[in-house]
């Protein structure tokens, strides 16, 4: 572990499961924090087995666990066991940060509330993440990425084509966004501690992150704006911004002409359809928007006649803004992701390194640690307990009563 990392020496207890909470501690670990992941006996964090179920890509190796729990140490403790709380208490006194995502009622039952924990360590940053927030009638309702973030916020409604049913997004999008907000809250809490010497309780939720993601249109609703209805690809508000087109090899590209009046004549010439410039329906932006459906029909025929490679060559030569809807085989080899350290090698001692996705925060003057292999269940239980001051006899006693495994 590099001593030059921002959080070298920072001690973190991860009492969370699945994605949002653990992913936040992963970011801390990327910057050198020592993260102990507390898991229950038996199967551990249920997220360990999530990768096995459809529609997730099929692989024998637990790729999800590697992504979300790299660099950590695993400690198995039964927090329902009274003697397990002896371990928890020592962890809390040891830690700078504790992260949990248990619902409020579960935290109370486990005596894991901030009010229970704070007296043990006045400098602790206690960070919690929930599905629907800590107050209100749904505070204890189980919240997941797809429900609390995607569906409840309206993102699922706004990101579908007219009359199409809601699509299932890539799992973890909302969780990873929420993880960055929780990370930001933790860092803000640590800064506050530097100024006051005191710890604090920081939090966020999937529903809050979803509302923030939808905020541009949510703000419109709050001010009483009239919404224009569902987006219809064949009859959009603008055929040149946010509109997608299929190529002859069944690929999709997306036009993003923010400066439309400037881009339009360049585009028409680039795709060898200068005749469109003389069409009165497309003479200016007002007419193009009014006749967007007709323009989509024209461009569908144009783009459908050639391959993606053909159109990339022409659009790039004209310096036009567009995007390609990449497929998995391209994403994992994207040279831009590799050049910017967005995809990085795992430090597993292999001569043929595998790769993982880096966290999206960079401090150029303080390098991250190389991603290490995620821990096996309870791999570091004895090691961590010894560091916390438990002797061999007490460790055996805790194991005998089922408090640890």
Protein backbone atom coordinates (compact mmCIF):
# COMPACT_ATOMS: atom_id res chain seq x y z
CA UNK A 1 0.00 0.00 0.00
CA UNK A 2 1.45 3.34 -1.04
CA UNK A 3 2.20 5.79 1.75
CA UNK A 4 1.73 8.58 -0.79
CA UNK A 5 -1.99 7.85 -1.16
CA UNK A 6 -4.48 10.40 0.16
CA UNK A 7 -6.08 8.04 2.68
CA UNK A 8 -3.07 6.01 3.79
CA UNK A 9 -3.71 5.25 7.46
CA UNK A 10 -7.45 5.89 7.24
CA UNK A 11 -9.36 3.04 8.90
CA UNK A 12 -12.75 2.08 7.47
CA UNK A 13 -15.35 -0.44 8.61
CA UNK A 14 -17.71 -1.57 5.85
CA UNK A 15 -20.88 -2.97 7.46
CA UNK A 16 -22.86 -2.87 4.23
CA UNK A 17 -24.07 -5.23 1.54
CA UNK A 18 -24.64 -5.27 -2.19
CA UNK A 19 -23.37 -2.24 -4.05
CA UNK A 20 -23.84 1.41 -3.05
CA UNK A 21 -22.30 1.30 0.43
CA UNK A 22 -19.47 -1.12 -0.39
CA UNK A 23 -18.64 0.75 -3.61
CA UNK A 24 -18.14 3.95 -1.60
CA UNK A 25 -15.60 2.21 0.63
CA UNK A 26 -13.95 0.82 -2.50
CA UNK A 27 -13.21 4.38 -3.60
CA UNK A 28 -11.67 5.06 -0.19
CA UNK A 29 -9.59 1.90 -0.58
CA UNK A 30 -8.43 3.03 -4.02
CA UNK A 31 -6.84 6.00 -2.27
CA UNK A 32 -5.10 3.82 0.31
CA UNK A 33 -7.64 3.40 3.12
CA UNK A 34 -7.56 0.16 5.13
CA UNK A 35 -11.09 -1.22 4.67
CA UNK A 36 -12.42 -4.09 6.77
CA UNK A 37 -15.56 -5.62 5.31
CA UNK A 38 -17.79 -7.11 8.01
CA UNK A 39 -19.84 -10.04 6.72
CA UNK A 40 -22.33 -12.38 8.43
CA UNK A 41 -21.60 -16.10 8.85
CA UNK A 42 -22.85 -18.53 6.22
CA UNK A 43 -23.00 -16.95 2.77
CA UNK A 44 -21.52 -13.62 3.82
CA UNK A 45 -22.65 -10.57 1.89
CA UNK A 46 -25.47 -11.87 -0.37
CA UNK A 47 -23.87 -9.87 -3.18
CA UNK A 48 -21.24 -12.61 -3.40
CA UNK A 49 -23.70 -14.77 -5.37
CA UNK A 50 -25.49 -12.11 -7.43
CA UNK A 51 -23.31 -12.64 -10.50
CA UNK A 52 -24.73 -16.15 -10.91
CA UNK A 53 -28.24 -15.03 -11.82
CA UNK A 54 -29.62 -13.85 -15.20
CA UNK A 55 -29.57 -11.42 -16.88
CA UNK A 56 -25.99 -10.94 -15.70
CA UNK A 57 -23.25 -12.06 -18.11
CA UNK A 58 -22.23 -15.65 -17.48
CA UNK A 59 -18.77 -16.36 -16.05
CA UNK A 60 -17.36 -18.75 -13.46
CA UNK A 61 -15.29 -16.00 -11.86
CA UNK A 62 -17.06 -13.60 -9.50
CA UNK A 63 -16.44 -10.42 -11.47
CA UNK A 64 -18.98 -8.36 -9.50
CA UNK A 65 -17.32 -9.12 -6.17
CA UNK A 66 -13.92 -8.16 -7.58
CA UNK A 67 -15.19 -4.80 -8.79
CA UNK A 68 -17.02 -3.76 -5.64
CA UNK A 69 -14.77 -5.22 -2.94
CA UNK A 70 -11.20 -5.02 -4.18
CA UNK A 71 -8.48 -3.99 -1.73
CA UNK A 72 -10.55 -4.97 1.35
CA UNK A 73 -10.14 -7.45 4.17
CA UNK A 74 -13.04 -9.75 5.08
CA UNK A 75 -14.03 -10.29 8.72
CA UNK A 76 -16.95 -12.62 9.51
CA UNK A 77 -18.93 -11.51 12.59
CA UNK A 78 -22.46 -12.39 13.69
CA UNK A 79 -23.83 -9.03 14.83
CA UNK A 80 -26.92 -10.80 16.18
CA UNK A 81 -24.72 -12.68 18.62
CA UNK A 82 -24.22 -10.70 21.88
CA UNK A 83 -20.50 -11.54 21.86
CA UNK A 84 -20.27 -10.30 18.30
CA UNK A 85 -20.87 -6.82 19.67
CA UNK A 86 -17.59 -7.00 21.52
CA UNK A 87 -15.91 -7.24 18.12
CA UNK A 88 -18.06 -4.46 16.71
CA UNK A 89 -17.21 -2.17 19.63
CA UNK A 90 -13.48 -2.65 19.09
CA UNK A 91 -13.89 -2.04 15.36
CA UNK A 92 -15.73 1.20 16.04
CA UNK A 93 -13.04 2.43 18.45
CA UNK A 94 -10.38 1.53 15.86
CA UNK A 95 -12.13 3.16 12.89
CA UNK A 96 -12.21 6.59 11.33
CA UNK A 97 -15.20 5.76 9.14
CA UNK A 98 -18.08 3.27 9.43
CA UNK A 99 -20.40 2.64 6.49
CA UNK A 100 -23.73 0.82 6.69
CA UNK A 101 -26.76 0.41 4.46
CA UNK A 102 -29.06 -1.45 6.84
CA UNK A 103 -32.59 0.02 7.03
CA UNK A 104 -33.28 2.08 10.18
CA UNK A 105 -35.28 -0.68 11.95
CA UNK A 106 -32.48 -3.22 11.34
CA UNK A 107 -29.87 -0.81 12.64
CA UNK A 108 -31.90 -0.33 15.81
CA UNK A 109 -32.25 -4.06 16.30
CA UNK A 110 -28.50 -4.58 15.90
CA UNK A 111 -27.65 -1.54 18.05
CA UNK A 112 -25.88 -0.14 15.01
CA UNK A 113 -27.61 3.26 15.01
CA UNK A 114 -25.50 6.39 15.12
CA UNK A 115 -26.76 7.02 18.64
CA UNK A 116 -25.49 3.56 19.66
CA UNK A 117 -22.15 3.88 17.91
CA UNK A 118 -21.13 7.53 18.38
CA UNK A 119 -20.42 7.31 22.16
CA UNK A 120 -17.76 4.69 21.41
CA UNK A 121 -15.72 7.01 19.16
CA UNK A 122 -16.24 10.77 19.17
CA UNK A 123 -14.19 11.18 15.98
CA UNK A 124 -16.03 8.57 13.91
CA UNK A 125 -17.58 9.48 10.57
CA UNK A 126 -20.74 7.36 10.48
CA UNK A 127 -22.01 7.07 6.92
CA UNK A 128 -25.33 5.47 6.04
CA UNK A 129 -27.13 4.92 2.76
CA UNK A 130 -30.78 3.91 2.38
CA UNK A 131 -33.18 3.22 -0.46
CA UNK A 132 -35.85 5.79 0.32
CA UNK A 133 -34.29 8.04 2.97
CA UNK A 134 -34.35 7.71 6.76
CA UNK A 135 -37.66 9.47 7.39
CA UNK A 136 -41.22 9.09 6.17
CA UNK A 137 -43.53 6.09 5.77
CA UNK A 138 -41.13 4.22 3.46
CA UNK A 139 -37.95 4.62 5.51
CA UNK A 140 -37.73 0.87 6.16
CA UNK A 141 -38.86 -0.19 2.69
CA UNK A 142 -36.21 -2.24 0.87
CA UNK A 143 -34.80 -0.05 -1.89
CA UNK A 144 -32.85 -1.23 -4.88
CA UNK A 145 -31.16 0.46 -7.81
CA UNK A 146 -33.96 -0.46 -10.22
CA UNK A 147 -36.81 0.59 -7.90
CA UNK A 148 -35.67 3.50 -5.74
CA UNK A 149 -33.27 5.10 -8.25
CA UNK A 150 -34.56 4.24 -11.72
CA UNK A 151 -38.30 3.83 -11.33
CA UNK A 152 -39.17 6.17 -8.45
CA UNK A 153 -37.18 9.12 -9.80
CA UNK A 154 -38.80 9.05 -13.26
CA UNK A 155 -35.58 8.11 -15.04
CA UNK A 156 -37.18 4.91 -16.26
CA UNK A 157 -40.11 6.90 -17.68
CA UNK A 158 -37.99 9.52 -19.37
CA UNK A 159 -35.45 7.16 -20.96
CA UNK A 160 -37.79 5.04 -23.06
CA UNK A 161 -39.23 5.44 -26.50
CA UNK A 162 -42.94 6.24 -26.87
CA UNK A 163 -45.24 3.26 -26.32
CA UNK A 164 -42.28 1.02 -25.45
CA UNK A 165 -42.33 -0.65 -22.02
CA UNK A 166 -39.72 0.42 -19.47
CA UNK A 167 -36.36 -1.20 -20.18
CA UNK A 168 -34.26 -2.92 -17.54
CA UNK A 169 -31.06 -0.86 -17.22
CA UNK A 170 -27.60 -2.24 -16.57
CA UNK A 171 -27.65 -3.20 -12.87
CA UNK A 172 -25.70 -0.96 -10.53
CA UNK A 173 -25.96 2.34 -12.42
CA UNK A 174 -27.81 4.06 -9.59
CA UNK A 175 -25.79 2.22 -6.96
CA UNK A 176 -22.49 3.43 -8.37
CA UNK A 177 -23.75 7.00 -8.72
CA UNK A 178 -24.99 6.88 -5.12
CA UNK A 179 -21.66 5.44 -4.00
CA UNK A 180 -19.86 8.52 -5.30
CA UNK A 181 -22.28 10.78 -3.40
CA UNK A 182 -21.70 8.75 -0.25
CA UNK A 183 -17.95 8.97 -0.81
CA UNK A 184 -18.31 12.75 -1.18
CA UNK A 185 -20.32 12.90 2.04
CA UNK A 186 -17.64 10.89 3.87
CA UNK A 187 -14.86 13.14 2.60
CA UNK A 188 -16.90 16.21 3.60
CA UNK A 189 -17.34 14.68 7.06
CA UNK A 190 -13.60 14.07 7.32
CA UNK A 191 -12.93 17.69 6.36
CA UNK A 192 -15.38 18.82 9.03
CA UNK A 193 -13.53 16.62 11.53
CA UNK A 194 -10.26 18.32 10.60
CA UNK A 195 -11.85 21.66 11.49
CA UNK A 196 -13.79 20.64 14.61
CA UNK A 197 -12.08 17.50 15.88
CA UNK A 198 -15.46 15.80 16.02
CA UNK A 199 -17.07 13.03 14.05
CA UNK A 200 -20.52 13.24 12.48
CA UNK A 201 -23.32 11.35 10.74
CA UNK A 202 -23.42 11.69 6.93
CA UNK A 203 -25.87 10.03 4.59
CA UNK A 204 -27.49 9.76 1.19
CA UNK A 205 -30.09 7.53 -0.50
CA UNK A 206 -30.88 5.95 -3.84
CA UNK A 207 -34.04 8.04 -4.16
CA UNK A 208 -32.09 11.26 -3.50
CA UNK A 209 -29.51 10.30 -6.11
CA UNK A 210 -32.28 9.46 -8.58
CA UNK A 211 -33.90 12.85 -7.99
CA UNK A 212 -30.53 14.54 -8.51
CA UNK A 213 -30.01 12.62 -11.75
CA UNK A 214 -33.46 13.72 -12.97
CA UNK A 215 -33.06 17.21 -11.53
CA UNK A 216 -33.17 19.25 -14.77
CA UNK A 217 -36.67 18.01 -15.57
CA UNK A 218 -37.71 17.60 -11.94
CA UNK A 219 -36.96 21.29 -11.47
CA UNK A 220 -39.20 22.02 -14.44
CA UNK A 221 -42.00 20.10 -12.75
CA UNK A 222 -41.43 21.96 -9.49
CA UNK A 223 -41.84 25.25 -11.33
CA UNK A 224 -45.02 24.05 -13.05
CA UNK A 225 -43.69 23.47 -16.54
CA UNK A 226 -45.75 21.56 -19.07
CA UNK A 227 -44.09 18.35 -20.20
CA UNK A 228 -44.11 17.48 -23.88
CA UNK A 229 -45.06 13.84 -23.50
CA UNK A 230 -43.11 10.73 -24.38
CA UNK A 231 -40.13 10.85 -26.71
CA UNK A 232 -40.98 9.27 -30.06
CA UNK A 233 -37.89 8.33 -32.03
CA UNK A 234 -39.73 8.58 -35.35
CA UNK A 235 -41.15 12.00 -34.51
CA UNK A 236 -38.75 13.64 -32.06
CA UNK A 237 -38.55 17.32 -31.08
CA UNK A 238 -35.25 17.52 -32.96
CA UNK A 239 -33.90 15.03 -35.51
CA UNK A 240 -30.35 16.31 -35.04
CA UNK A 241 -29.95 16.28 -31.25
CA UNK A 242 -30.36 13.14 -29.19
CA UNK A 243 -31.72 11.25 -32.18
CA UNK A 244 -30.38 7.79 -32.98
CA UNK A 245 -29.97 6.11 -36.36
CA UNK A 246 -29.30 2.50 -37.36
CA UNK A 247 -26.58 1.67 -39.89
CA UNK A 248 -26.56 -1.12 -42.46
CA UNK A 249 -24.56 -3.40 -40.12
CA UNK A 250 -27.17 -3.02 -37.35
CA UNK A 251 -25.22 -0.51 -35.28
CA UNK A 252 -26.54 2.73 -33.81
CA UNK A 253 -25.12 6.22 -33.71
CA UNK A 254 -26.43 9.30 -31.98
CA UNK A 255 -26.35 12.85 -33.36
CA UNK A 256 -25.65 15.63 -30.87
CA UNK A 257 -25.70 18.92 -32.77
CA UNK A 258 -25.84 21.50 -29.98
CA UNK A 259 -24.96 24.31 -32.40
CA UNK A 260 -27.51 23.08 -34.90
CA UNK A 261 -27.56 25.96 -37.39
CA UNK A 262 -23.78 25.74 -37.72
CA UNK A 263 -23.64 21.93 -37.87
CA UNK A 264 -26.57 21.36 -40.26
CA UNK A 265 -24.98 22.50 -43.56
CA UNK A 266 -21.68 20.77 -42.70
CA UNK A 267 -23.58 17.58 -41.89
CA UNK A 268 -25.71 17.61 -45.04
CA UNK A 269 -22.60 17.92 -47.19
CA UNK A 270 -20.67 15.31 -45.18
CA UNK A 271 -23.34 12.67 -45.73
CA UNK A 272 -23.51 13.68 -49.41
CA UNK A 273 -27.06 14.99 -49.16
CA UNK A 274 -26.54 18.67 -49.91
CA UNK A 275 -29.97 18.55 -51.60
CA UNK A 276 -31.54 18.59 -48.13
CA UNK A 277 -30.29 22.15 -47.70
CA UNK A 278 -32.62 23.28 -50.47
CA UNK A 279 -35.65 21.51 -49.02
CA UNK A 280 -37.95 24.18 -47.49
CA UNK A 281 -38.99 21.75 -44.75
CA UNK A 282 -35.43 21.85 -43.41
CA UNK A 283 -34.47 25.43 -44.29
CA UNK A 284 -33.95 26.58 -40.69
CA UNK A 285 -34.17 25.16 -37.17
CA UNK A 286 -37.83 26.10 -36.77
CA UNK A 287 -38.80 24.23 -39.92
CA UNK A 288 -36.52 21.31 -39.12
CA UNK A 289 -38.14 20.91 -35.70
CA UNK A 290 -41.64 21.20 -37.13
CA UNK A 291 -40.78 18.57 -39.74
CA UNK A 292 -38.53 16.45 -37.53
CA UNK A 293 -40.42 13.27 -38.40
CA UNK A 294 -39.80 13.81 -42.11
CA UNK A 295 -36.13 14.49 -41.49
CA UNK A 296 -35.81 11.32 -39.41
CA UNK A 297 -37.31 9.34 -42.29
CA UNK A 298 -34.75 10.84 -44.69
CA UNK A 299 -31.84 10.16 -42.37
CA UNK A 300 -33.02 6.63 -41.62
CA UNK A 301 -32.65 5.85 -45.33
CA UNK A 302 -29.27 7.58 -45.52
CA UNK A 303 -27.67 5.90 -42.50
CA UNK A 304 -29.28 2.55 -43.25
CA UNK A 305 -27.48 2.36 -46.58
CA UNK A 306 -23.91 2.19 -45.20
CA UNK A 307 -21.95 0.67 -42.33
CA UNK A 308 -21.01 2.33 -39.07
CA UNK A 309 -17.38 2.49 -40.16
CA UNK A 310 -18.36 4.41 -43.28
CA UNK A 311 -20.31 7.01 -41.29
CA UNK A 312 -17.64 7.37 -38.61
CA UNK A 313 -15.09 8.23 -41.29
CA UNK A 314 -17.30 10.93 -42.82
CA UNK A 315 -18.55 12.44 -39.56
CA UNK A 316 -15.07 12.50 -38.01
CA UNK A 317 -13.62 14.16 -41.11
CA UNK A 318 -16.25 16.88 -40.77
CA UNK A 319 -15.59 17.28 -37.00
CA UNK A 320 -19.26 16.75 -36.21
CA UNK A 321 -20.45 15.84 -32.69
CA UNK A 322 -21.94 12.36 -32.49
CA UNK A 323 -21.72 9.24 -30.41
CA UNK A 324 -21.58 5.53 -31.15
CA UNK A 325 -23.66 3.09 -29.12
CA UNK A 326 -20.80 0.76 -28.27
CA UNK A 327 -21.14 -2.98 -27.80
CA UNK A 328 -19.39 -4.89 -24.97
CA UNK A 329 -16.57 -6.18 -27.17
CA UNK A 330 -15.65 -2.57 -28.02
CA UNK A 331 -16.09 -1.10 -24.55
CA UNK A 332 -13.58 -3.42 -22.87
CA UNK A 333 -10.95 -2.55 -25.50
CA UNK A 334 -11.75 1.15 -25.83
CA UNK A 335 -8.35 2.89 -26.17
CA UNK A 336 -9.77 6.05 -24.60
CA UNK A 337 -10.69 4.16 -21.44
CA UNK A 338 -7.24 2.58 -21.29
CA UNK A 339 -5.36 5.81 -22.02
CA UNK A 340 -7.13 7.64 -19.19
CA UNK A 341 -6.78 4.92 -16.59
CA UNK A 342 -10.52 4.21 -16.53
CA UNK A 343 -9.76 0.55 -17.07
CA UNK A 344 -6.71 -0.59 -15.07
CA UNK A 345 -4.86 -3.87 -14.42
CA UNK A 346 -5.51 -5.90 -11.26
CA UNK A 347 -2.41 -6.44 -9.13
CA UNK A 348 -2.75 -10.21 -8.69
CA UNK A 349 0.81 -11.25 -9.45
CA UNK A 350 -0.13 -12.64 -12.84
CA UNK A 351 2.13 -12.24 -15.85
CA UNK A 352 -1.02 -11.91 -17.96
CA UNK A 353 -2.92 -9.24 -16.05
CA UNK A 354 -6.68 -8.97 -15.93
CA UNK A 355 -8.39 -5.60 -15.77
CA UNK A 356 -11.04 -3.80 -13.74
CA UNK A 357 -12.93 -0.51 -13.81
CA UNK A 358 -11.27 2.30 -11.88
CA UNK A 359 -13.26 4.60 -9.62
CA UNK A 360 -14.03 7.94 -11.33
CA UNK A 361 -12.13 10.20 -8.93
CA UNK A 362 -8.54 11.27 -9.60
CA UNK A 363 -6.06 13.28 -7.55
CA UNK A 364 -3.13 13.67 -9.91
CA UNK A 365 -0.63 14.52 -7.19
CA UNK A 366 -1.57 11.47 -5.09
CA UNK A 367 -1.70 8.14 -6.91
CA UNK A 368 -4.19 5.41 -6.15
CA UNK A 369 -3.11 1.98 -5.02
CA UNK A 370 -3.14 -0.77 -7.62
CA UNK A 371 -6.42 -2.73 -7.43
CA UNK A 372 -5.90 -5.90 -5.43
CA UNK A 373 -7.89 -9.12 -5.43
CA UNK A 374 -11.18 -9.00 -3.49
CA UNK A 375 -11.18 -11.10 -0.31
CA UNK A 376 -12.60 -14.55 0.25
CA UNK A 377 -15.29 -14.86 2.91
CA UNK A 378 -13.65 -14.47 6.34
CA UNK A 379 -10.18 -14.55 4.81
CA UNK A 380 -8.81 -12.03 7.30
CA UNK A 381 -10.92 -12.75 10.40
CA UNK A 382 -8.08 -13.91 12.66
CA UNK A 383 -5.65 -11.31 11.33
CA UNK A 384 -8.04 -8.42 12.01
CA UNK A 385 -9.03 -9.68 15.46
CA UNK A 386 -5.37 -9.96 16.44
CA UNK A 387 -4.80 -6.37 15.30
CA UNK A 388 -7.79 -5.32 17.43
CA UNK A 389 -6.11 -6.87 20.48
CA UNK A 390 -7.92 -10.20 20.81
CA UNK A 391 -5.65 -12.99 21.99
CA UNK A 392 -5.76 -16.55 20.68
CA UNK A 393 -7.91 -17.87 23.54
CA UNK A 394 -10.51 -15.14 23.11
CA UNK A 395 -10.60 -15.71 19.33
CA UNK A 396 -11.21 -19.41 19.96
CA UNK A 397 -13.97 -18.51 22.40
CA UNK A 398 -15.67 -16.19 19.93
CA UNK A 399 -15.50 -18.89 17.29
CA UNK A 400 -16.86 -21.52 19.65
CA UNK A 401 -19.94 -19.45 20.49
CA UNK A 402 -20.60 -18.62 16.82
CA UNK A 403 -19.79 -14.91 17.11
CA UNK A 404 -17.13 -15.20 14.41
CA UNK A 405 -16.38 -17.61 11.58
